[in-house]
Every structure is written in structure tokens, then in C-alpha cells.
């Protein structure tokens, strides 16, 4: 019988999108205040793969991913999702859209990238406090690969390349954490 082991620390990654680039900058600054410095930043890319958000966020959405320097405990993800939801509401004041900013936290480990969500589906697992997790990409044969339910923008080469770079950063941070602690 296998004995339970504590999970390894994970790499926090937040995906942010808005039609306002200044709002993305504000969100990053606020998140760095909460979770420490950002170590890796993706290029800003057009988020047009779905029209789902147009009614509440408008058109011409731009998206960016941030990987944070400090590793976190995996069990913190529900708390982080609640904090990002609160930050969305706080930063929304003064904008004409119902939801001018969307923040999607998740984490990366060597074998997968997952996202937190408040919406249940057959492929999502309940964590706690109304938060579910979804494995969005799995790592196989040297690259991140989509699942059948993976959102279209996470299938983009540039997003998966960014996550590959974040994985290499994570691998180095994990090695350092193991030797330091």
C-alpha cells in the first residue's frame, strides 16, 4: 500500500484579459502585491477565440499570462480564486462594462497545467469553498497538450510555448526549493 505524501509546491499562473491594457497593468501590480513578483510574462495576444465574454466585457479583448516567482501550496488555489474574484470587482469601478477584467488563476506542475473555476462540469473536481479545478493541459512527450475540453486560446502555440518556458522556470525553482529546504 502506498503512503500519502505531501504535494510539491506549485507555480502560480494567472491569465488576465480585458479590453483595457491599463487595467491589465493595474491587475498585475495588485497581484504582485498579493502573491509576490511575476517571473515570466507572456506576450499580450488577441482573445477572440470565443464570443462568450462580449456581453459583459465588450470586444477587442487582450489576454496575458503571468507566472509568479514564489511557489505556493496547491491547496491555496481556492483562496487565490476568491482573491482574484474580489480584485476583479474592486478594479471594475468606473468602467462601463459589467466585467471589464477577468482573472483566471491556476497552477503548473511538471505534468499538468490547471485552472480554478466556480463552474462545475463533468471534467472538473471540487476543491472547496465553491471552487473547482480543471486540468487544462497535460505534459506529454516534451510538450503541453490539450484535453478535449481545453479552451481554444490555451491550444495556441504561443500560449503553450509560454507555459513550456514557465515549466522550465518552475523546474529550476523546484530544484532550488528542494536543496534549500
N, C-alpha and C. Protein backbone atom coordinates (compact mmCIF):
# COMPACT_ATOMS: atom_id res chain seq x y z
N UNK A 1 0.84 -1.17 0.00
CA UNK A 1 0.00 0.00 0.00
C UNK A 1 0.89 1.24 0.00
N UNK A 2 0.57 2.18 -0.86
CA UNK A 2 1.32 3.42 -0.94
C UNK A 2 0.95 4.34 0.22
N UNK A 3 1.93 5.05 0.72
CA UNK A 3 1.71 6.00 1.79
C UNK A 3 1.49 7.40 1.20
N UNK A 4 0.54 8.15 1.74
CA UNK A 4 0.34 9.51 1.26
C UNK A 4 1.59 10.36 1.49
N UNK A 5 1.86 11.23 0.53
CA UNK A 5 2.99 12.15 0.64
C UNK A 5 2.49 13.57 0.45
N UNK A 6 3.17 14.52 1.07
CA UNK A 6 2.74 15.90 0.86
C UNK A 6 3.00 16.31 -0.60
N UNK A 7 2.12 17.15 -1.14
CA UNK A 7 2.32 17.58 -2.53
C UNK A 7 3.51 18.55 -2.64
N UNK A 8 4.10 18.59 -3.81
CA UNK A 8 5.17 19.55 -4.05
C UNK A 8 4.57 20.93 -4.19
N UNK A 9 5.34 21.97 -3.90
CA UNK A 9 4.83 23.32 -4.17
C UNK A 9 4.61 23.50 -5.66
N UNK A 10 3.72 24.41 -6.02
CA UNK A 10 3.31 24.59 -7.41
C UNK A 10 3.61 26.02 -7.86
N UNK A 11 3.59 26.22 -9.18
CA UNK A 11 3.84 27.53 -9.76
C UNK A 11 2.51 28.21 -10.06
N UNK A 12 2.25 29.33 -9.40
CA UNK A 12 1.04 30.10 -9.64
C UNK A 12 1.13 30.78 -11.00
N UNK A 13 0.08 30.61 -11.80
CA UNK A 13 -0.05 31.27 -13.10
C UNK A 13 -1.43 31.92 -13.13
N UNK A 14 -1.47 33.19 -13.52
CA UNK A 14 -2.75 33.88 -13.65
C UNK A 14 -2.89 34.36 -15.09
N UNK A 15 -4.02 34.05 -15.68
CA UNK A 15 -4.36 34.56 -17.01
C UNK A 15 -5.31 35.73 -16.79
N UNK A 16 -5.03 36.84 -17.47
CA UNK A 16 -5.84 38.05 -17.32
C UNK A 16 -6.26 38.54 -18.69
N UNK A 17 -7.52 38.95 -18.81
CA UNK A 17 -7.92 39.58 -20.07
C UNK A 17 -8.89 40.71 -19.84
N UNK A 18 -8.81 41.67 -20.77
CA UNK A 18 -9.59 42.89 -20.71
C UNK A 18 -9.45 43.60 -22.05
N UNK A 19 -10.29 44.56 -22.31
CA UNK A 19 -10.10 45.41 -23.48
C UNK A 19 -9.21 46.59 -23.14
N UNK A 20 -8.90 46.76 -21.85
CA UNK A 20 -8.10 47.89 -21.37
C UNK A 20 -6.72 47.40 -20.92
N UNK A 21 -5.69 47.76 -21.68
CA UNK A 21 -4.34 47.35 -21.32
C UNK A 21 -3.91 47.96 -19.99
N UNK A 22 -4.37 49.17 -19.68
CA UNK A 22 -4.02 49.78 -18.40
C UNK A 22 -4.63 48.99 -17.24
N UNK A 23 -5.77 48.39 -17.46
CA UNK A 23 -6.40 47.57 -16.41
C UNK A 23 -5.61 46.29 -16.20
N UNK A 24 -5.07 45.72 -17.28
CA UNK A 24 -4.18 44.56 -17.12
C UNK A 24 -2.96 44.92 -16.29
N UNK A 25 -2.40 46.10 -16.53
CA UNK A 25 -1.24 46.55 -15.76
C UNK A 25 -1.60 46.73 -14.29
N UNK A 26 -2.75 47.34 -14.03
CA UNK A 26 -3.20 47.52 -12.64
C UNK A 26 -3.38 46.18 -11.95
N UNK A 27 -3.98 45.23 -12.66
CA UNK A 27 -4.21 43.91 -12.08
C UNK A 27 -2.89 43.22 -11.76
N UNK A 28 -1.94 43.31 -12.66
CA UNK A 28 -0.63 42.68 -12.40
C UNK A 28 0.01 43.30 -11.16
N UNK A 29 -0.01 44.62 -11.06
CA UNK A 29 0.58 45.29 -9.91
C UNK A 29 -0.11 44.82 -8.61
N UNK A 30 -1.43 44.76 -8.62
CA UNK A 30 -2.18 44.34 -7.43
C UNK A 30 -1.87 42.88 -7.08
N UNK A 31 -1.77 42.03 -8.10
CA UNK A 31 -1.47 40.61 -7.85
C UNK A 31 -0.05 40.44 -7.32
N UNK A 32 0.88 41.24 -7.80
CA UNK A 32 2.25 41.16 -7.27
C UNK A 32 2.27 41.58 -5.80
N UNK A 33 1.43 42.52 -5.44
CA UNK A 33 1.33 42.92 -4.04
C UNK A 33 0.80 41.75 -3.19
N UNK A 34 -0.10 40.96 -3.75
CA UNK A 34 -0.68 39.83 -3.01
C UNK A 34 0.21 38.59 -3.02
N UNK A 35 0.83 38.28 -4.17
CA UNK A 35 1.48 36.98 -4.35
C UNK A 35 2.96 37.04 -4.65
N UNK A 36 3.54 38.22 -4.64
CA UNK A 36 4.96 38.35 -4.93
C UNK A 36 5.21 38.65 -6.40
N UNK A 37 6.47 38.80 -6.75
CA UNK A 37 6.80 39.24 -8.11
C UNK A 37 6.45 38.22 -9.19
N UNK A 38 6.17 38.77 -10.37
CA UNK A 38 5.95 37.94 -11.55
C UNK A 38 7.31 37.63 -12.15
N UNK A 39 7.54 36.37 -12.46
CA UNK A 39 8.82 35.94 -13.01
C UNK A 39 8.79 35.83 -14.53
N UNK A 40 7.64 35.47 -15.08
CA UNK A 40 7.51 35.28 -16.53
C UNK A 40 6.21 35.93 -16.99
N UNK A 41 6.29 36.63 -18.12
CA UNK A 41 5.15 37.35 -18.67
C UNK A 41 5.00 36.93 -20.12
N UNK A 42 3.81 36.52 -20.50
CA UNK A 42 3.56 36.19 -21.91
C UNK A 42 3.36 37.49 -22.69
N UNK A 43 3.46 37.37 -23.98
CA UNK A 43 3.08 38.49 -24.84
C UNK A 43 1.57 38.70 -24.70
N UNK A 44 1.13 39.91 -24.89
CA UNK A 44 -0.31 40.19 -24.93
C UNK A 44 -0.82 39.69 -26.28
N UNK A 45 -1.91 38.93 -26.25
CA UNK A 45 -2.46 38.42 -27.51
C UNK A 45 -3.95 38.68 -27.59
N UNK A 46 -4.46 38.66 -28.78
CA UNK A 46 -5.88 38.89 -29.02
C UNK A 46 -6.68 37.69 -28.51
N UNK A 47 -7.67 37.98 -27.69
CA UNK A 47 -8.54 36.93 -27.16
C UNK A 47 -9.87 37.01 -27.91
N UNK A 48 -9.90 36.37 -29.05
CA UNK A 48 -11.08 36.40 -29.92
C UNK A 48 -11.62 35.00 -30.23
N UNK A 49 -11.12 33.99 -29.52
CA UNK A 49 -11.47 32.61 -29.83
C UNK A 49 -12.89 32.24 -29.41
N UNK A 50 -13.53 33.11 -28.63
CA UNK A 50 -14.91 32.88 -28.22
C UNK A 50 -15.61 34.23 -28.09
N UNK A 51 -16.91 34.23 -28.31
CA UNK A 51 -17.69 35.46 -28.11
C UNK A 51 -18.41 35.43 -26.76
N UNK A 52 -18.14 34.42 -25.96
CA UNK A 52 -18.82 34.21 -24.68
C UNK A 52 -18.78 35.45 -23.78
N UNK A 53 -17.67 36.16 -23.76
CA UNK A 53 -17.49 37.27 -22.83
C UNK A 53 -17.91 38.63 -23.37
N UNK A 54 -18.29 38.71 -24.64
CA UNK A 54 -18.58 40.01 -25.26
C UNK A 54 -19.70 40.78 -24.55
N UNK A 55 -20.74 40.11 -24.13
CA UNK A 55 -21.87 40.80 -23.50
C UNK A 55 -21.45 41.50 -22.21
N UNK A 56 -20.57 40.90 -21.43
CA UNK A 56 -20.18 41.50 -20.15
C UNK A 56 -18.87 42.27 -20.20
N UNK A 57 -18.03 42.00 -21.22
CA UNK A 57 -16.69 42.60 -21.26
C UNK A 57 -16.42 43.46 -22.48
N UNK A 58 -17.26 43.36 -23.50
CA UNK A 58 -17.02 44.10 -24.73
C UNK A 58 -16.20 43.29 -25.72
N UNK A 59 -15.75 43.96 -26.76
CA UNK A 59 -14.97 43.31 -27.82
C UNK A 59 -13.52 43.77 -27.75
N UNK A 60 -12.71 43.25 -28.66
CA UNK A 60 -11.29 43.61 -28.75
C UNK A 60 -10.55 43.30 -27.45
N UNK A 61 -10.82 42.11 -26.91
CA UNK A 61 -10.19 41.70 -25.66
C UNK A 61 -8.74 41.29 -25.91
N UNK A 62 -7.90 41.61 -24.94
CA UNK A 62 -6.48 41.25 -24.95
C UNK A 62 -6.21 40.40 -23.72
N UNK A 63 -5.32 39.41 -23.91
CA UNK A 63 -5.05 38.47 -22.82
C UNK A 63 -3.55 38.35 -22.60
N UNK A 64 -3.18 38.11 -21.33
CA UNK A 64 -1.78 37.92 -20.96
C UNK A 64 -1.71 36.95 -19.79
N UNK A 65 -0.64 36.16 -19.75
CA UNK A 65 -0.43 35.22 -18.66
C UNK A 65 0.79 35.65 -17.86
N UNK A 66 0.70 35.46 -16.54
CA UNK A 66 1.79 35.79 -15.63
C UNK A 66 2.10 34.57 -14.78
N UNK A 67 3.37 34.20 -14.74
CA UNK A 67 3.85 33.14 -13.85
C UNK A 67 4.63 33.80 -12.72
N UNK A 68 4.30 33.49 -11.51
CA UNK A 68 4.87 34.15 -10.34
C UNK A 68 6.15 33.47 -9.87
N UNK A 69 6.99 34.24 -9.21
CA UNK A 69 8.29 33.75 -8.75
C UNK A 69 8.14 32.75 -7.62
N UNK A 70 7.35 33.10 -6.62
CA UNK A 70 7.25 32.28 -5.41
C UNK A 70 6.32 31.09 -5.65
N UNK A 71 6.81 29.92 -5.27
CA UNK A 71 5.98 28.72 -5.35
C UNK A 71 4.96 28.76 -4.22
N UNK A 72 3.83 28.14 -4.46
CA UNK A 72 2.74 28.14 -3.48
C UNK A 72 2.32 26.71 -3.17
N UNK A 73 1.53 26.55 -2.12
CA UNK A 73 0.93 25.26 -1.80
C UNK A 73 -0.30 25.07 -2.68
N UNK A 74 -0.44 23.91 -3.26
CA UNK A 74 -1.56 23.63 -4.16
C UNK A 74 -2.92 23.88 -3.50
N UNK A 75 -3.00 23.61 -2.22
CA UNK A 75 -4.29 23.76 -1.54
C UNK A 75 -4.71 25.23 -1.36
N UNK A 76 -3.86 26.17 -1.74
CA UNK A 76 -4.20 27.60 -1.67
C UNK A 76 -5.04 28.07 -2.85
N UNK A 77 -5.20 27.25 -3.88
CA UNK A 77 -5.88 27.70 -5.09
C UNK A 77 -7.29 28.24 -4.85
N UNK A 78 -8.15 27.61 -4.03
CA UNK A 78 -9.48 28.20 -3.81
C UNK A 78 -9.40 29.61 -3.21
N UNK A 79 -8.52 29.81 -2.25
CA UNK A 79 -8.36 31.14 -1.65
C UNK A 79 -7.88 32.15 -2.69
N UNK A 80 -6.96 31.74 -3.54
CA UNK A 80 -6.46 32.63 -4.59
C UNK A 80 -7.57 32.98 -5.57
N UNK A 81 -8.40 32.02 -5.94
CA UNK A 81 -9.52 32.30 -6.84
C UNK A 81 -10.48 33.32 -6.22
N UNK A 82 -10.77 33.18 -4.93
CA UNK A 82 -11.63 34.15 -4.26
C UNK A 82 -10.98 35.54 -4.24
N UNK A 83 -9.68 35.59 -4.03
CA UNK A 83 -8.98 36.89 -4.03
C UNK A 83 -9.00 37.52 -5.41
N UNK A 84 -8.79 36.72 -6.46
CA UNK A 84 -8.82 37.30 -7.81
C UNK A 84 -10.22 37.75 -8.18
N UNK A 85 -11.25 37.03 -7.74
CA UNK A 85 -12.62 37.48 -7.97
C UNK A 85 -12.89 38.82 -7.28
N UNK A 86 -12.41 38.95 -6.05
CA UNK A 86 -12.58 40.21 -5.31
C UNK A 86 -11.82 41.34 -6.00
N UNK A 87 -10.64 41.05 -6.50
CA UNK A 87 -9.85 42.06 -7.20
C UNK A 87 -10.54 42.50 -8.50
N UNK A 88 -11.14 41.56 -9.20
CA UNK A 88 -11.92 41.91 -10.40
C UNK A 88 -13.00 42.93 -10.06
N UNK A 89 -13.73 42.67 -8.99
CA UNK A 89 -14.82 43.58 -8.58
C UNK A 89 -14.25 44.94 -8.18
N UNK A 90 -13.16 44.94 -7.44
CA UNK A 90 -12.54 46.18 -6.97
C UNK A 90 -12.07 47.04 -8.15
N UNK A 91 -11.40 46.42 -9.11
CA UNK A 91 -10.84 47.17 -10.23
C UNK A 91 -11.88 47.54 -11.28
N UNK A 92 -13.09 46.99 -11.18
CA UNK A 92 -14.14 47.25 -12.17
C UNK A 92 -14.79 48.62 -12.00
N UNK A 93 -14.61 49.22 -10.85
CA UNK A 93 -15.27 50.51 -10.59
C UNK A 93 -14.83 51.55 -11.61
N UNK A 94 -15.82 52.25 -12.16
CA UNK A 94 -15.53 53.33 -13.09
C UNK A 94 -15.50 52.93 -14.55
N UNK A 95 -15.70 51.65 -14.85
CA UNK A 95 -15.71 51.19 -16.24
C UNK A 95 -17.15 50.94 -16.69
N UNK A 96 -17.43 51.16 -17.96
CA UNK A 96 -18.82 50.98 -18.42
C UNK A 96 -19.26 49.52 -18.52
N UNK A 97 -18.33 48.59 -18.68
CA UNK A 97 -18.68 47.18 -18.80
C UNK A 97 -19.04 46.59 -17.43
N UNK A 98 -19.88 45.59 -17.46
CA UNK A 98 -20.22 44.86 -16.23
C UNK A 98 -18.97 44.21 -15.64
N UNK A 99 -18.13 43.67 -16.51
CA UNK A 99 -16.93 42.96 -16.07
C UNK A 99 -15.77 43.37 -17.00
N UNK A 100 -15.09 44.45 -16.69
CA UNK A 100 -14.03 44.89 -17.59
C UNK A 100 -12.74 44.08 -17.48
N UNK A 101 -12.66 43.21 -16.49
CA UNK A 101 -11.45 42.43 -16.24
C UNK A 101 -11.82 41.01 -15.84
N UNK A 102 -11.08 40.05 -16.36
CA UNK A 102 -11.25 38.65 -15.97
C UNK A 102 -9.88 38.13 -15.54
N UNK A 103 -9.82 37.55 -14.34
CA UNK A 103 -8.60 36.96 -13.81
C UNK A 103 -8.83 35.48 -13.56
N UNK A 104 -8.04 34.65 -14.19
CA UNK A 104 -8.17 33.20 -14.05
C UNK A 104 -6.89 32.61 -13.46
N UNK A 105 -6.89 32.33 -12.16
CA UNK A 105 -5.70 31.72 -11.57
C UNK A 105 -5.69 30.21 -11.79
N UNK A 106 -4.50 29.69 -11.81
CA UNK A 106 -4.29 28.26 -11.91
C UNK A 106 -2.88 27.95 -11.44
N UNK A 107 -2.49 26.71 -11.63
CA UNK A 107 -1.10 26.41 -11.32
C UNK A 107 -0.55 25.38 -12.27
N UNK A 108 0.77 25.38 -12.29
CA UNK A 108 1.53 24.50 -13.16
C UNK A 108 2.40 23.61 -12.30
N UNK A 109 2.42 22.32 -12.62
CA UNK A 109 3.37 21.37 -12.08
C UNK A 109 4.00 20.67 -13.28
N UNK A 110 4.94 19.81 -13.03
CA UNK A 110 5.67 19.22 -14.16
C UNK A 110 4.75 18.48 -15.13
N UNK A 111 3.68 17.87 -14.65
CA UNK A 111 2.84 17.05 -15.51
C UNK A 111 1.56 17.67 -16.01
N UNK A 112 1.24 18.89 -15.55
CA UNK A 112 -0.04 19.47 -15.97
C UNK A 112 -0.10 20.95 -15.64
N UNK A 113 -1.08 21.59 -16.30
CA UNK A 113 -1.46 22.96 -16.00
C UNK A 113 -2.96 22.94 -15.74
N UNK A 114 -3.38 23.53 -14.63
CA UNK A 114 -4.80 23.53 -14.32
C UNK A 114 -5.28 24.91 -13.95
N UNK A 115 -6.58 25.11 -14.11
CA UNK A 115 -7.23 26.37 -13.81
C UNK A 115 -8.31 26.19 -12.76
N UNK A 116 -8.50 27.23 -11.95
CA UNK A 116 -9.58 27.26 -10.97
C UNK A 116 -10.81 27.88 -11.63
N UNK A 117 -11.98 27.44 -11.20
CA UNK A 117 -13.23 27.97 -11.74
C UNK A 117 -14.33 27.83 -10.69
N UNK A 118 -15.37 28.62 -10.86
CA UNK A 118 -16.54 28.49 -9.99
C UNK A 118 -17.62 27.63 -10.63
N UNK A 119 -17.38 27.21 -11.87
CA UNK A 119 -18.40 26.47 -12.62
C UNK A 119 -18.09 24.96 -12.63
N UNK A 120 -19.06 24.16 -12.25
CA UNK A 120 -18.91 22.71 -12.25
C UNK A 120 -19.20 22.14 -13.64
N UNK A 121 -18.46 21.15 -14.02
CA UNK A 121 -18.69 20.37 -15.24
C UNK A 121 -18.22 18.94 -14.95
N UNK A 122 -18.52 18.02 -15.82
CA UNK A 122 -18.17 16.62 -15.61
C UNK A 122 -16.66 16.39 -15.46
N UNK A 123 -15.85 17.21 -16.09
CA UNK A 123 -14.40 17.03 -16.06
C UNK A 123 -13.71 17.87 -14.99
N UNK A 124 -14.47 18.50 -14.12
CA UNK A 124 -13.90 19.34 -13.07
C UNK A 124 -14.08 18.69 -11.72
N UNK A 125 -13.12 18.96 -10.83
CA UNK A 125 -13.12 18.37 -9.49
C UNK A 125 -13.33 19.48 -8.48
N UNK A 126 -14.22 19.23 -7.54
CA UNK A 126 -14.48 20.21 -6.49
C UNK A 126 -13.30 20.25 -5.53
N UNK A 127 -12.86 21.46 -5.19
CA UNK A 127 -11.78 21.62 -4.21
C UNK A 127 -12.38 21.98 -2.86
N UNK A 128 -12.87 23.22 -2.75
CA UNK A 128 -13.56 23.68 -1.54
C UNK A 128 -14.06 25.10 -1.76
N UNK A 129 -14.93 25.54 -0.88
CA UNK A 129 -15.40 26.93 -0.88
C UNK A 129 -15.97 27.36 -2.24
N UNK A 130 -16.66 26.46 -2.92
CA UNK A 130 -17.29 26.79 -4.20
C UNK A 130 -16.35 26.82 -5.39
N UNK A 131 -15.14 26.30 -5.24
CA UNK A 131 -14.13 26.35 -6.30
C UNK A 131 -13.83 24.94 -6.81
N UNK A 132 -13.77 24.84 -8.13
CA UNK A 132 -13.44 23.60 -8.83
C UNK A 132 -12.10 23.78 -9.54
N UNK A 133 -11.50 22.68 -9.93
CA UNK A 133 -10.26 22.73 -10.70
C UNK A 133 -10.42 21.86 -11.94
N UNK A 134 -9.76 22.32 -13.00
CA UNK A 134 -9.80 21.61 -14.28
C UNK A 134 -8.38 21.47 -14.80
N UNK A 135 -7.98 20.25 -15.13
CA UNK A 135 -6.71 20.06 -15.82
C UNK A 135 -6.95 20.54 -17.25
N UNK A 136 -6.29 21.63 -17.60
CA UNK A 136 -6.48 22.28 -18.90
C UNK A 136 -5.52 21.72 -19.95
N UNK A 137 -4.29 21.47 -19.54
CA UNK A 137 -3.27 20.89 -20.42
C UNK A 137 -2.50 19.84 -19.65
N UNK A 138 -2.08 18.79 -20.32
CA UNK A 138 -1.21 17.81 -19.67
C UNK A 138 0.11 17.78 -20.43
N UNK A 139 1.16 17.42 -19.71
CA UNK A 139 2.50 17.42 -20.30
C UNK A 139 2.85 16.00 -20.73
N UNK A 140 3.14 15.86 -22.02
CA UNK A 140 3.45 14.54 -22.57
C UNK A 140 4.41 14.71 -23.74
N UNK A 141 5.40 13.84 -23.79
CA UNK A 141 6.36 13.81 -24.90
C UNK A 141 6.99 15.18 -25.15
N UNK A 142 7.33 15.87 -24.05
CA UNK A 142 8.07 17.12 -24.16
C UNK A 142 7.26 18.36 -24.46
N UNK A 143 5.92 18.29 -24.35
CA UNK A 143 5.11 19.48 -24.61
C UNK A 143 3.77 19.41 -23.89
N UNK A 144 3.19 20.60 -23.69
CA UNK A 144 1.84 20.66 -23.14
C UNK A 144 0.85 20.34 -24.25
N UNK A 145 -0.09 19.46 -23.93
CA UNK A 145 -1.09 19.02 -24.91
C UNK A 145 -2.49 19.28 -24.36
N UNK A 146 -3.40 19.67 -25.24
CA UNK A 146 -4.76 19.98 -24.78
C UNK A 146 -5.57 18.72 -24.46
N UNK A 147 -6.56 18.95 -23.65
CA UNK A 147 -7.56 17.94 -23.33
C UNK A 147 -8.76 18.23 -24.24
N UNK A 148 -9.72 17.32 -24.33
CA UNK A 148 -10.89 17.60 -25.19
C UNK A 148 -11.63 18.88 -24.82
N UNK A 149 -11.59 19.28 -23.55
CA UNK A 149 -12.33 20.45 -23.08
C UNK A 149 -11.46 21.71 -23.00
N UNK A 150 -10.22 21.63 -23.38
CA UNK A 150 -9.32 22.79 -23.27
C UNK A 150 -9.85 23.97 -24.09
N UNK A 151 -9.90 25.14 -23.44
CA UNK A 151 -10.34 26.36 -24.13
C UNK A 151 -9.44 26.62 -25.34
N UNK A 152 -10.03 27.20 -26.38
CA UNK A 152 -9.34 27.39 -27.65
C UNK A 152 -8.05 28.19 -27.52
N UNK A 153 -8.04 29.23 -26.69
CA UNK A 153 -6.82 30.03 -26.62
C UNK A 153 -5.68 29.29 -25.92
N UNK A 154 -5.97 28.34 -25.07
CA UNK A 154 -4.91 27.54 -24.44
C UNK A 154 -4.34 26.50 -25.40
N UNK A 155 -4.96 26.34 -26.54
CA UNK A 155 -4.44 25.46 -27.59
C UNK A 155 -3.44 26.19 -28.49
N UNK A 156 -3.40 27.52 -28.40
CA UNK A 156 -2.50 28.30 -29.25
C UNK A 156 -1.04 27.96 -28.97
N UNK A 157 -0.24 27.92 -30.02
CA UNK A 157 1.18 27.61 -29.87
C UNK A 157 1.87 28.59 -28.93
N UNK A 158 1.56 29.89 -29.04
CA UNK A 158 2.25 30.87 -28.21
C UNK A 158 1.92 30.71 -26.73
N UNK A 159 0.71 30.27 -26.41
CA UNK A 159 0.35 30.04 -25.02
C UNK A 159 1.06 28.80 -24.49
N UNK A 160 1.05 27.75 -25.27
CA UNK A 160 1.73 26.52 -24.83
C UNK A 160 3.24 26.72 -24.77
N UNK A 161 3.80 27.55 -25.64
CA UNK A 161 5.23 27.87 -25.58
C UNK A 161 5.53 28.63 -24.29
N UNK A 162 4.69 29.61 -23.97
CA UNK A 162 4.88 30.35 -22.72
C UNK A 162 4.83 29.39 -21.53
N UNK A 163 3.87 28.49 -21.51
CA UNK A 163 3.75 27.55 -20.40
C UNK A 163 4.94 26.59 -20.35
N UNK A 164 5.50 26.25 -21.50
CA UNK A 164 6.72 25.43 -21.54
C UNK A 164 7.87 26.19 -20.88
N UNK A 165 8.00 27.47 -21.20
CA UNK A 165 9.04 28.30 -20.57
C UNK A 165 8.80 28.43 -19.07
N UNK A 166 7.55 28.59 -18.68
CA UNK A 166 7.20 28.66 -17.26
C UNK A 166 7.52 27.33 -16.58
N UNK A 167 7.31 26.23 -17.27
CA UNK A 167 7.63 24.91 -16.72
C UNK A 167 9.13 24.78 -16.46
N UNK A 168 9.95 25.26 -17.37
CA UNK A 168 11.41 25.23 -17.18
C UNK A 168 11.80 26.08 -15.97
N UNK A 169 11.20 27.25 -15.86
CA UNK A 169 11.44 28.11 -14.69
C UNK A 169 11.01 27.37 -13.42
N UNK A 170 9.84 26.76 -13.44
CA UNK A 170 9.33 26.01 -12.29
C UNK A 170 10.28 24.88 -11.90
N UNK A 171 10.77 24.17 -12.90
CA UNK A 171 11.68 23.06 -12.62
C UNK A 171 12.93 23.56 -11.86
N UNK A 172 13.46 24.70 -12.30
CA UNK A 172 14.63 25.27 -11.60
C UNK A 172 14.26 25.71 -10.19
N UNK A 173 13.10 26.35 -10.03
CA UNK A 173 12.65 26.80 -8.69
C UNK A 173 12.39 25.62 -7.77
N UNK A 174 11.81 24.55 -8.32
CA UNK A 174 11.54 23.36 -7.53
C UNK A 174 12.84 22.71 -7.07
N UNK A 175 13.82 22.63 -7.94
CA UNK A 175 15.12 22.08 -7.57
C UNK A 175 15.75 22.91 -6.47
N UNK A 176 15.69 24.23 -6.63
CA UNK A 176 16.26 25.13 -5.60
C UNK A 176 15.52 24.95 -4.27
N UNK A 177 14.19 24.83 -4.32
CA UNK A 177 13.40 24.67 -3.08
C UNK A 177 13.77 23.37 -2.38
N UNK A 178 14.02 22.32 -3.15
CA UNK A 178 14.36 21.03 -2.55
C UNK A 178 15.75 21.06 -1.93
N UNK A 179 16.69 21.76 -2.54
CA UNK A 179 18.04 21.83 -1.99
C UNK A 179 18.13 22.80 -0.82
N UNK A 180 17.28 23.84 -0.82
CA UNK A 180 17.29 24.81 0.28
C UNK A 180 16.55 24.31 1.52
N UNK A 181 15.57 23.46 1.29
CA UNK A 181 14.71 23.12 2.41
C UNK A 181 14.79 21.71 2.81
